[in-house]
Amino acid sequence: MYKLCTIQLSKQKQYDYSLRSLKSVLLSAGILRRENTGMQEIQILIRAMELSNNPKLLRQDLIIFNGIVKDIFPQTDLDIIVDL
């Protein structure tokens, strides 16, 4: 996921795709998992990625980021995730 973001998104100082970002996503996923026991793990992971990355992304990059998520997880209903 982050490899594709590095390639496809614009180069901005606030974009960080290091292990620190991965750790942030995993910590967020753990919190979401404890709070939403009925959600599927893949939905929790996608939501954690969105929570960690969306605030940093420019509008045009957010569109590309959402496209990457849809390409990687094509069978996941992303509308359910957004409605948390």
PDB file of N, CA and C in Angstrom:
ATOM      1  N   MET A   1       0.819  -1.185   0.000  1.00  0.00           N
ATOM      2  CA  MET A   1       0.000   0.000   0.000  1.00  0.00           C
ATOM      3  C   MET A   1       0.867   1.255   0.000  1.00  0.00           C
ATOM      4  N   TYR A   2       1.788   1.338   0.974  1.00  0.00           N
ATOM      5  CA  TYR A   2       2.613   2.533   1.057  1.00  0.00           C
ATOM      6  C   TYR A   2       3.588   2.647  -0.108  1.00  0.00           C
ATOM      7  N   LYS A   3       3.986   1.538  -0.665  1.00  0.00           N
ATOM      8  CA  LYS A   3       4.850   1.574  -1.851  1.00  0.00           C
ATOM      9  C   LYS A   3       4.107   2.243  -3.005  1.00  0.00           C
ATOM     10  N   LEU A   4       2.831   1.876  -3.196  1.00  0.00           N
ATOM     11  CA  LEU A   4       2.023   2.499  -4.246  1.00  0.00           C
ATOM     12  C   LEU A   4       1.795   3.982  -3.964  1.00  0.00           C
ATOM     13  N   CYS A   5       1.594   4.324  -2.712  1.00  0.00           N
ATOM     14  CA  CYS A   5       1.418   5.735  -2.358  1.00  0.00           C
ATOM     15  C   CYS A   5       2.677   6.536  -2.683  1.00  0.00           C
ATOM     16  N   THR A   6       3.827   5.971  -2.386  1.00  0.00           N
ATOM     17  CA  THR A   6       5.092   6.645  -2.682  1.00  0.00           C
ATOM     18  C   THR A   6       5.232   6.917  -4.167  1.00  0.00           C
ATOM     19  N   ILE A   7       4.791   5.978  -4.977  1.00  0.00           N
ATOM     20  CA  ILE A   7       4.921   6.103  -6.429  1.00  0.00           C
ATOM     21  C   ILE A   7       3.870   7.033  -7.014  1.00  0.00           C
ATOM     22  N   GLN A   8       2.620   6.914  -6.565  1.00  0.00           N
ATOM     23  CA  GLN A   8       1.511   7.585  -7.243  1.00  0.00           C
ATOM     24  C   GLN A   8       1.127   8.951  -6.684  1.00  0.00           C
ATOM     25  N   LEU A   9       1.345   9.178  -5.397  1.00  0.00           N
ATOM     26  CA  LEU A   9       0.940  10.453  -4.806  1.00  0.00           C
ATOM     27  C   LEU A   9       2.015  11.509  -5.023  1.00  0.00           C
ATOM     28  N   SER A  10       1.600  12.781  -4.937  1.00  0.00           N
ATOM     29  CA  SER A  10       2.563  13.858  -5.095  1.00  0.00           C
ATOM     30  C   SER A  10       3.555  13.838  -3.940  1.00  0.00           C
ATOM     31  N   LYS A  11       4.660  14.485  -4.139  1.00  0.00           N
ATOM     32  CA  LYS A  11       5.710  14.527  -3.113  1.00  0.00           C
ATOM     33  C   LYS A  11       5.445  15.712  -2.192  1.00  0.00           C
ATOM     34  N   GLN A  12       5.093  15.420  -0.946  1.00  0.00           N
ATOM     35  CA  GLN A  12       4.817  16.445   0.051  1.00  0.00           C
ATOM     36  C   GLN A  12       5.627  16.154   1.304  1.00  0.00           C
ATOM     37  N   LYS A  13       6.025  17.205   2.014  1.00  0.00           N
ATOM     38  CA  LYS A  13       6.817  17.019   3.234  1.00  0.00           C
ATOM     39  C   LYS A  13       6.061  16.244   4.305  1.00  0.00           C
ATOM     40  N   GLN A  14       4.750  16.438   4.386  1.00  0.00           N
ATOM     41  CA  GLN A  14       3.966  15.800   5.444  1.00  0.00           C
ATOM     42  C   GLN A  14       3.653  14.332   5.161  1.00  0.00           C
ATOM     43  N   TYR A  15       3.968  13.848   3.969  1.00  0.00           N
ATOM     44  CA  TYR A  15       3.711  12.443   3.650  1.00  0.00           C
ATOM     45  C   TYR A  15       4.847  11.590   4.187  1.00  0.00           C
ATOM     46  N   ASP A  16       4.477  10.601   4.995  1.00  0.00           N
ATOM     47  CA  ASP A  16       5.466   9.740   5.623  1.00  0.00           C
ATOM     48  C   ASP A  16       4.995   8.293   5.478  1.00  0.00           C
ATOM     49  N   TYR A  17       5.772   7.495   4.799  1.00  0.00           N
ATOM     50  CA  TYR A  17       5.413   6.092   4.590  1.00  0.00           C
ATOM     51  C   TYR A  17       6.463   5.177   5.203  1.00  0.00           C
ATOM     52  N   SER A  18       6.983   5.575   6.340  1.00  0.00           N
ATOM     53  CA  SER A  18       8.027   4.811   7.010  1.00  0.00           C
ATOM     54  C   SER A  18       7.408   3.799   7.972  1.00  0.00           C
ATOM     55  N   LEU A  19       8.261   3.132   8.710  1.00  0.00           N
ATOM     56  CA  LEU A  19       7.790   2.185   9.716  1.00  0.00           C
ATOM     57  C   LEU A  19       6.990   2.891  10.808  1.00  0.00           C
ATOM     58  N   ARG A  20       7.291   4.142  11.053  1.00  0.00           N
ATOM     59  CA  ARG A  20       6.537   4.922  12.034  1.00  0.00           C
ATOM     60  C   ARG A  20       5.069   5.027  11.610  1.00  0.00           C
ATOM     61  N   SER A  21       4.821   5.231  10.323  1.00  0.00           N
ATOM     62  CA  SER A  21       3.451   5.301   9.811  1.00  0.00           C
ATOM     63  C   SER A  21       2.757   3.953   9.913  1.00  0.00           C
ATOM     64  N   LEU A  22       3.475   2.913   9.610  1.00  0.00           N
ATOM     65  CA  LEU A  22       2.912   1.567   9.722  1.00  0.00           C
ATOM     66  C   LEU A  22       2.538   1.258  11.169  1.00  0.00           C
ATOM     67  N   LYS A  23       3.402   1.660  12.099  1.00  0.00           N
ATOM     68  CA  LYS A  23       3.108   1.448  13.515  1.00  0.00           C
ATOM     69  C   LYS A  23       1.849   2.217  13.917  1.00  0.00           C
ATOM     70  N   SER A  24       1.706   3.423  13.425  1.00  0.00           N
ATOM     71  CA  SER A  24       0.524   4.233  13.725  1.00  0.00           C
ATOM     72  C   SER A  24      -0.750   3.558  13.225  1.00  0.00           C
ATOM     73  N   VAL A  25      -0.697   2.999  12.037  1.00  0.00           N
ATOM     74  CA  VAL A  25      -1.855   2.291  11.477  1.00  0.00           C
ATOM     75  C   VAL A  25      -2.189   1.071  12.326  1.00  0.00           C
ATOM     76  N   LEU A  26      -1.187   0.323  12.718  1.00  0.00           N
ATOM     77  CA  LEU A  26      -1.423  -0.880  13.514  1.00  0.00           C
ATOM     78  C   LEU A  26      -1.977  -0.554  14.898  1.00  0.00           C
ATOM     79  N   LEU A  27      -1.480   0.497  15.527  1.00  0.00           N
ATOM     80  CA  LEU A  27      -2.015   0.906  16.826  1.00  0.00           C
ATOM     81  C   LEU A  27      -3.470   1.354  16.698  1.00  0.00           C
ATOM     82  N   SER A  28      -3.747   2.107  15.653  1.00  0.00           N
ATOM     83  CA  SER A  28      -5.116   2.560  15.397  1.00  0.00           C
ATOM     84  C   SER A  28      -6.032   1.370  15.124  1.00  0.00           C
ATOM     85  N   ALA A  29      -5.537   0.401  14.376  1.00  0.00           N
ATOM     86  CA  ALA A  29      -6.332  -0.802  14.080  1.00  0.00           C
ATOM     87  C   ALA A  29      -6.641  -1.572  15.360  1.00  0.00           C
ATOM     88  N   GLY A  30      -5.692  -1.630  16.277  1.00  0.00           N
ATOM     89  CA  GLY A  30      -5.920  -2.311  17.544  1.00  0.00           C
ATOM     90  C   GLY A  30      -7.022  -1.644  18.356  1.00  0.00           C
ATOM     91  N   ILE A  31      -7.011  -0.332  18.389  1.00  0.00           N
ATOM     92  CA  ILE A  31      -8.046   0.414  19.107  1.00  0.00           C
ATOM     93  C   ILE A  31      -9.404   0.195  18.452  1.00  0.00           C
ATOM     94  N   LEU A  32      -9.437   0.303  17.119  1.00  0.00           N
ATOM     95  CA  LEU A  32     -10.697   0.094  16.399  1.00  0.00           C
ATOM     96  C   LEU A  32     -11.226  -1.323  16.606  1.00  0.00           C
ATOM     97  N   ARG A  33     -10.349  -2.283  16.660  1.00  0.00           N
ATOM     98  CA  ARG A  33     -10.755  -3.683  16.849  1.00  0.00           C
ATOM     99  C   ARG A  33     -11.427  -3.875  18.206  1.00  0.00           C
ATOM    100  N   ARG A  34     -10.849  -3.254  19.209  1.00  0.00           N
ATOM    101  CA  ARG A  34     -11.444  -3.370  20.553  1.00  0.00           C
ATOM    102  C   ARG A  34     -12.785  -2.646  20.645  1.00  0.00           C
ATOM    103  N   GLU A  35     -12.929  -1.552  19.916  1.00  0.00           N
ATOM    104  CA  GLU A  35     -14.170  -0.767  19.967  1.00  0.00           C
ATOM    105  C   GLU A  35     -15.268  -1.324  19.065  1.00  0.00           C
ATOM    106  N   ASN A  36     -14.906  -2.023  18.003  1.00  0.00           N
ATOM    107  CA  ASN A  36     -15.859  -2.500  16.997  1.00  0.00           C
ATOM    108  C   ASN A  36     -15.686  -3.999  16.786  1.00  0.00           C
ATOM    109  N   THR A  37     -16.114  -4.772  17.744  1.00  0.00           N
ATOM    110  CA  THR A  37     -15.896  -6.214  17.679  1.00  0.00           C
ATOM    111  C   THR A  37     -16.676  -6.882  16.552  1.00  0.00           C
ATOM    112  N   GLY A  38     -17.710  -6.246  16.045  1.00  0.00           N
ATOM    113  CA  GLY A  38     -18.510  -6.839  14.985  1.00  0.00           C
ATOM    114  C   GLY A  38     -17.982  -6.588  13.580  1.00  0.00           C
ATOM    115  N   MET A  39     -17.017  -5.689  13.442  1.00  0.00           N
ATOM    116  CA  MET A  39     -16.478  -5.377  12.117  1.00  0.00           C
ATOM    117  C   MET A  39     -15.484  -6.432  11.660  1.00  0.00           C
ATOM    118  N   GLN A  40     -15.405  -6.617  10.360  1.00  0.00           N
ATOM    119  CA  GLN A  40     -14.415  -7.519   9.794  1.00  0.00           C
ATOM    120  C   GLN A  40     -13.026  -6.885   9.936  1.00  0.00           C
ATOM    121  N   GLU A  41     -12.017  -7.725  10.065  1.00  0.00           N
ATOM    122  CA  GLU A  41     -10.659  -7.232  10.263  1.00  0.00           C
ATOM    123  C   GLU A  41     -10.184  -6.387   9.084  1.00  0.00           C
ATOM    124  N   ILE A  42     -10.549  -6.754   7.876  1.00  0.00           N
ATOM    125  CA  ILE A  42     -10.104  -5.989   6.707  1.00  0.00           C
ATOM    126  C   ILE A  42     -10.704  -4.595   6.729  1.00  0.00           C
ATOM    127  N   GLN A  43     -11.942  -4.475   7.170  1.00  0.00           N
ATOM    128  CA  GLN A  43     -12.579  -3.159   7.275  1.00  0.00           C
ATOM    129  C   GLN A  43     -11.903  -2.317   8.353  1.00  0.00           C
ATOM    130  N   ILE A  44     -11.517  -2.948   9.436  1.00  0.00           N
ATOM    131  CA  ILE A  44     -10.810  -2.239  10.500  1.00  0.00           C
ATOM    132  C   ILE A  44      -9.464  -1.750  10.002  1.00  0.00           C
ATOM    133  N   LEU A  45      -8.762  -2.580   9.270  1.00  0.00           N
ATOM    134  CA  LEU A  45      -7.459  -2.194   8.734  1.00  0.00           C
ATOM    135  C   LEU A  45      -7.582  -1.023   7.767  1.00  0.00           C
ATOM    136  N   ILE A  46      -8.552  -1.077   6.880  1.00  0.00           N
ATOM    137  CA  ILE A  46      -8.746   0.014   5.919  1.00  0.00           C
ATOM    138  C   ILE A  46      -9.104   1.301   6.654  1.00  0.00           C
ATOM    139  N   ARG A  47      -9.984   1.209   7.632  1.00  0.00           N
ATOM    140  CA  ARG A  47     -10.382   2.387   8.401  1.00  0.00           C
ATOM    141  C   ARG A  47      -9.182   2.973   9.145  1.00  0.00           C
ATOM    142  N   ALA A  48      -8.335   2.123   9.688  1.00  0.00           N
ATOM    143  CA  ALA A  48      -7.132   2.593  10.380  1.00  0.00           C
ATOM    144  C   ALA A  48      -6.188   3.314   9.410  1.00  0.00           C
ATOM    145  N   MET A  49      -6.054   2.781   8.198  1.00  0.00           N
ATOM    146  CA  MET A  49      -5.222   3.447   7.195  1.00  0.00           C
ATOM    147  C   MET A  49      -5.794   4.814   6.842  1.00  0.00           C
ATOM    148  N   GLU A  50      -7.119   4.880   6.709  1.00  0.00           N
ATOM    149  CA  GLU A  50      -7.758   6.154   6.391  1.00  0.00           C
ATOM    150  C   GLU A  50      -7.565   7.160   7.524  1.00  0.00           C
ATOM    151  N   LEU A  51      -7.775   6.732   8.758  1.00  0.00           N
ATOM    152  CA  LEU A  51      -7.625   7.637   9.899  1.00  0.00           C
ATOM    153  C   LEU A  51      -6.192   8.158  10.029  1.00  0.00           C
ATOM    154  N   SER A  52      -5.229   7.324   9.690  1.00  0.00           N
ATOM    155  CA  SER A  52      -3.824   7.714   9.811  1.00  0.00           C
ATOM    156  C   SER A  52      -3.340   8.572   8.655  1.00  0.00           C
ATOM    157  N   ASN A  53      -3.926   8.396   7.479  1.00  0.00           N
ATOM    158  CA  ASN A  53      -3.403   9.062   6.291  1.00  0.00           C
ATOM    159  C   ASN A  53      -4.255  10.209   5.756  1.00  0.00           C
ATOM    160  N   ASN A  54      -5.567  10.081   5.811  1.00  0.00           N
ATOM    161  CA  ASN A  54      -6.434  11.083   5.184  1.00  0.00           C
ATOM    162  C   ASN A  54      -6.196  12.511   5.654  1.00  0.00           C
ATOM    163  N   PRO A  55      -5.980  12.762   6.960  1.00  0.00           N
ATOM    164  CA  PRO A  55      -5.773  14.148   7.380  1.00  0.00           C
ATOM    165  C   PRO A  55      -4.538  14.808   6.762  1.00  0.00           C
ATOM    166  N   LYS A  56      -3.559  14.019   6.370  1.00  0.00           N
ATOM    167  CA  LYS A  56      -2.321  14.563   5.807  1.00  0.00           C
ATOM    168  C   LYS A  56      -2.406  14.811   4.306  1.00  0.00           C
ATOM    169  N   LEU A  57      -3.344  14.149   3.631  1.00  0.00           N
ATOM    170  CA  LEU A  57      -3.352  14.139   2.173  1.00  0.00           C
ATOM    171  C   LEU A  57      -4.019  15.376   1.579  1.00  0.00           C
ATOM    172  N   LEU A  58      -3.438  15.847   0.484  1.00  0.00           N
ATOM    173  CA  LEU A  58      -4.080  16.891  -0.300  1.00  0.00           C
ATOM    174  C   LEU A  58      -5.295  16.301  -0.998  1.00  0.00           C
ATOM    175  N   ARG A  59      -6.223  17.157  -1.397  1.00  0.00           N
ATOM    176  CA  ARG A  59      -7.469  16.683  -2.009  1.00  0.00           C
ATOM    177  C   ARG A  59      -7.217  15.779  -3.217  1.00  0.00           C
ATOM    178  N   GLN A  60      -6.334  16.195  -4.117  1.00  0.00           N
ATOM    179  CA  GLN A  60      -6.085  15.378  -5.317  1.00  0.00           C
ATOM    180  C   GLN A  60      -5.417  14.058  -4.964  1.00  0.00           C
ATOM    181  N   ASP A  61      -4.584  14.058  -3.926  1.00  0.00           N
ATOM    182  CA  ASP A  61      -3.949  12.817  -3.493  1.00  0.00           C
ATOM    183  C   ASP A  61      -4.919  11.915  -2.738  1.00  0.00           C
ATOM    184  N   LEU A  62      -5.890  12.510  -2.071  1.00  0.00           N
ATOM    185  CA  LEU A  62      -6.904  11.722  -1.372  1.00  0.00           C
ATOM    186  C   LEU A  62      -7.710  10.883  -2.359  1.00  0.00           C
ATOM    187  N   ILE A  63      -8.005  11.444  -3.506  1.00  0.00           N
ATOM    188  CA  ILE A  63      -8.721  10.709  -4.555  1.00  0.00           C
ATOM    189  C   ILE A  63      -7.887   9.520  -5.026  1.00  0.00           C
ATOM    190  N   ILE A  64      -6.607   9.742  -5.231  1.00  0.00           N
ATOM    191  CA  ILE A  64      -5.713   8.662  -5.660  1.00  0.00           C
ATOM    192  C   ILE A  64      -5.576   7.618  -4.551  1.00  0.00           C
ATOM    193  N   PHE A  65      -5.436   8.068  -3.303  1.00  0.00           N
ATOM    194  CA  PHE A  65      -5.325   7.157  -2.169  1.00  0.00           C
ATOM    195  C   PHE A  65      -6.552   6.248  -2.083  1.00  0.00           C
ATOM    196  N   ASN A  66      -7.740   6.831  -2.214  1.00  0.00           N
ATOM    197  CA  ASN A  66      -8.969   6.031  -2.181  1.00  0.00           C
ATOM    198  C   ASN A  66      -9.010   5.033  -3.334  1.00  0.00           C
ATOM    199  N   GLY A  67      -8.501   5.428  -4.493  1.00  0.00           N
ATOM    200  CA  GLY A  67      -8.415   4.505  -5.622  1.00  0.00           C
ATOM    201  C   GLY A  67      -7.475   3.347  -5.349  1.00  0.00           C
ATOM    202  N   ILE A  68      -6.363   3.635  -4.705  1.00  0.00           N
ATOM    203  CA  ILE A  68      -5.414   2.578  -4.339  1.00  0.00           C
ATOM    204  C   ILE A  68      -6.074   1.594  -3.379  1.00  0.00           C
ATOM    205  N   VAL A  69      -6.793   2.123  -2.393  1.00  0.00           N
ATOM    206  CA  VAL A  69      -7.483   1.264  -1.421  1.00  0.00           C
ATOM    207  C   VAL A  69      -8.497   0.376  -2.140  1.00  0.00           C
ATOM    208  N   LYS A  70      -9.255   0.951  -3.060  1.00  0.00           N
ATOM    209  CA  LYS A  70     -10.249   0.167  -3.803  1.00  0.00           C
ATOM    210  C   LYS A  70      -9.590  -0.885  -4.683  1.00  0.00           C
ATOM    211  N   ASP A  71      -8.428  -0.566  -5.248  1.00  0.00           N
ATOM    212  CA  ASP A  71      -7.719  -1.534  -6.089  1.00  0.00           C
ATOM    213  C   ASP A  71      -7.157  -2.695  -5.261  1.00  0.00           C
ATOM    214  N   ILE A  72      -6.628  -2.395  -4.091  1.00  0.00           N
ATOM    215  CA  ILE A  72      -6.028  -3.429  -3.257  1.00  0.00           C
ATOM    216  C   ILE A  72      -7.087  -4.294  -2.587  1.00  0.00           C
ATOM    217  N   PHE A  73      -8.202  -3.683  -2.208  1.00  0.00           N
ATOM    218  CA  PHE A  73      -9.278  -4.391  -1.507  1.00  0.00           C
ATOM    219  C   PHE A  73     -10.575  -4.278  -2.308  1.00  0.00           C
ATOM    220  N   PRO A  74     -10.640  -4.887  -3.492  1.00  0.00           N
ATOM    221  CA  PRO A  74     -11.792  -4.672  -4.389  1.00  0.00           C
ATOM    222  C   PRO A  74     -13.109  -5.237  -3.871  1.00  0.00           C
ATOM    223  N   GLN A  75     -13.084  -6.226  -3.028  1.00  0.00           N
ATOM    224  CA  GLN A  75     -14.329  -6.856  -2.588  1.00  0.00           C
ATOM    225  C   GLN A  75     -14.814  -6.316  -1.248  1.00  0.00           C
ATOM    226  N   THR A  76     -14.163  -5.290  -0.720  1.00  0.00           N
ATOM    227  CA  THR A  76     -14.575  -4.717   0.548  1.00  0.00           C
ATOM    228  C   THR A  76     -15.521  -3.565   0.297  1.00  0.00           C
ATOM    229  N   ASP A  77     -16.617  -3.541   1.043  1.00  0.00           N
ATOM    230  CA  ASP A  77     -17.592  -2.466   0.930  1.00  0.00           C
ATOM    231  C   ASP A  77     -17.074  -1.250   1.694  1.00  0.00           C
ATOM    232  N   LEU A  78     -16.515  -0.291   0.985  1.00  0.00           N
ATOM    233  CA  LEU A  78     -15.909   0.859   1.618  1.00  0.00           C
ATOM    234  C   LEU A  78     -16.939   1.816   2.201  1.00  0.00           C
ATOM    235  N   ASP A  79     -18.175   1.770   1.755  1.00  0.00           N
ATOM    236  CA  ASP A  79     -19.213   2.649   2.288  1.00  0.00           C
ATOM    237  C   ASP A  79     -19.492   2.330   3.756  1.00  0.00           C
ATOM    238  N   ILE A  80     -19.422   1.080   4.126  1.00  0.00           N
ATOM    239  CA  ILE A  80     -19.636   0.678   5.520  1.00  0.00           C
ATOM    240  C   ILE A  80     -18.541   1.264   6.400  1.00  0.00           C
ATOM    241  N   ILE A  81     -17.337   1.288   5.895  1.00  0.00           N
ATOM    242  CA  ILE A  81     -16.201   1.751   6.667  1.00  0.00           C
ATOM    243  C   ILE A  81     -16.326   3.240   6.968  1.00  0.00           C
ATOM    244  N   VAL A  82     -16.720   4.014   5.980  1.00  0.00           N
ATOM    245  CA  VAL A  82     -16.795   5.464   6.129  1.00  0.00           C
ATOM    246  C   VAL A  82     -17.876   5.851   7.122  1.00  0.00           C
ATOM    247  N   ASP A  83     -18.921   5.049   7.284  1.00  0.00           N
ATOM    248  CA  ASP A  83     -20.060   5.392   8.124  1.00  0.00           C
ATOM    249  C   ASP A  83     -19.862   5.081   9.595  1.00  0.00           C
ATOM    250  N   LEU A  84     -18.625   4.881  10.063  1.00  0.00           N
ATOM    251  CA  LEU A  84     -18.405   4.570  11.477  1.00  0.00           C
ATOM    252  C   LEU A  84     -18.923   5.656  12.361  1.00  0.00           C
TER     253      LEU A  84
END
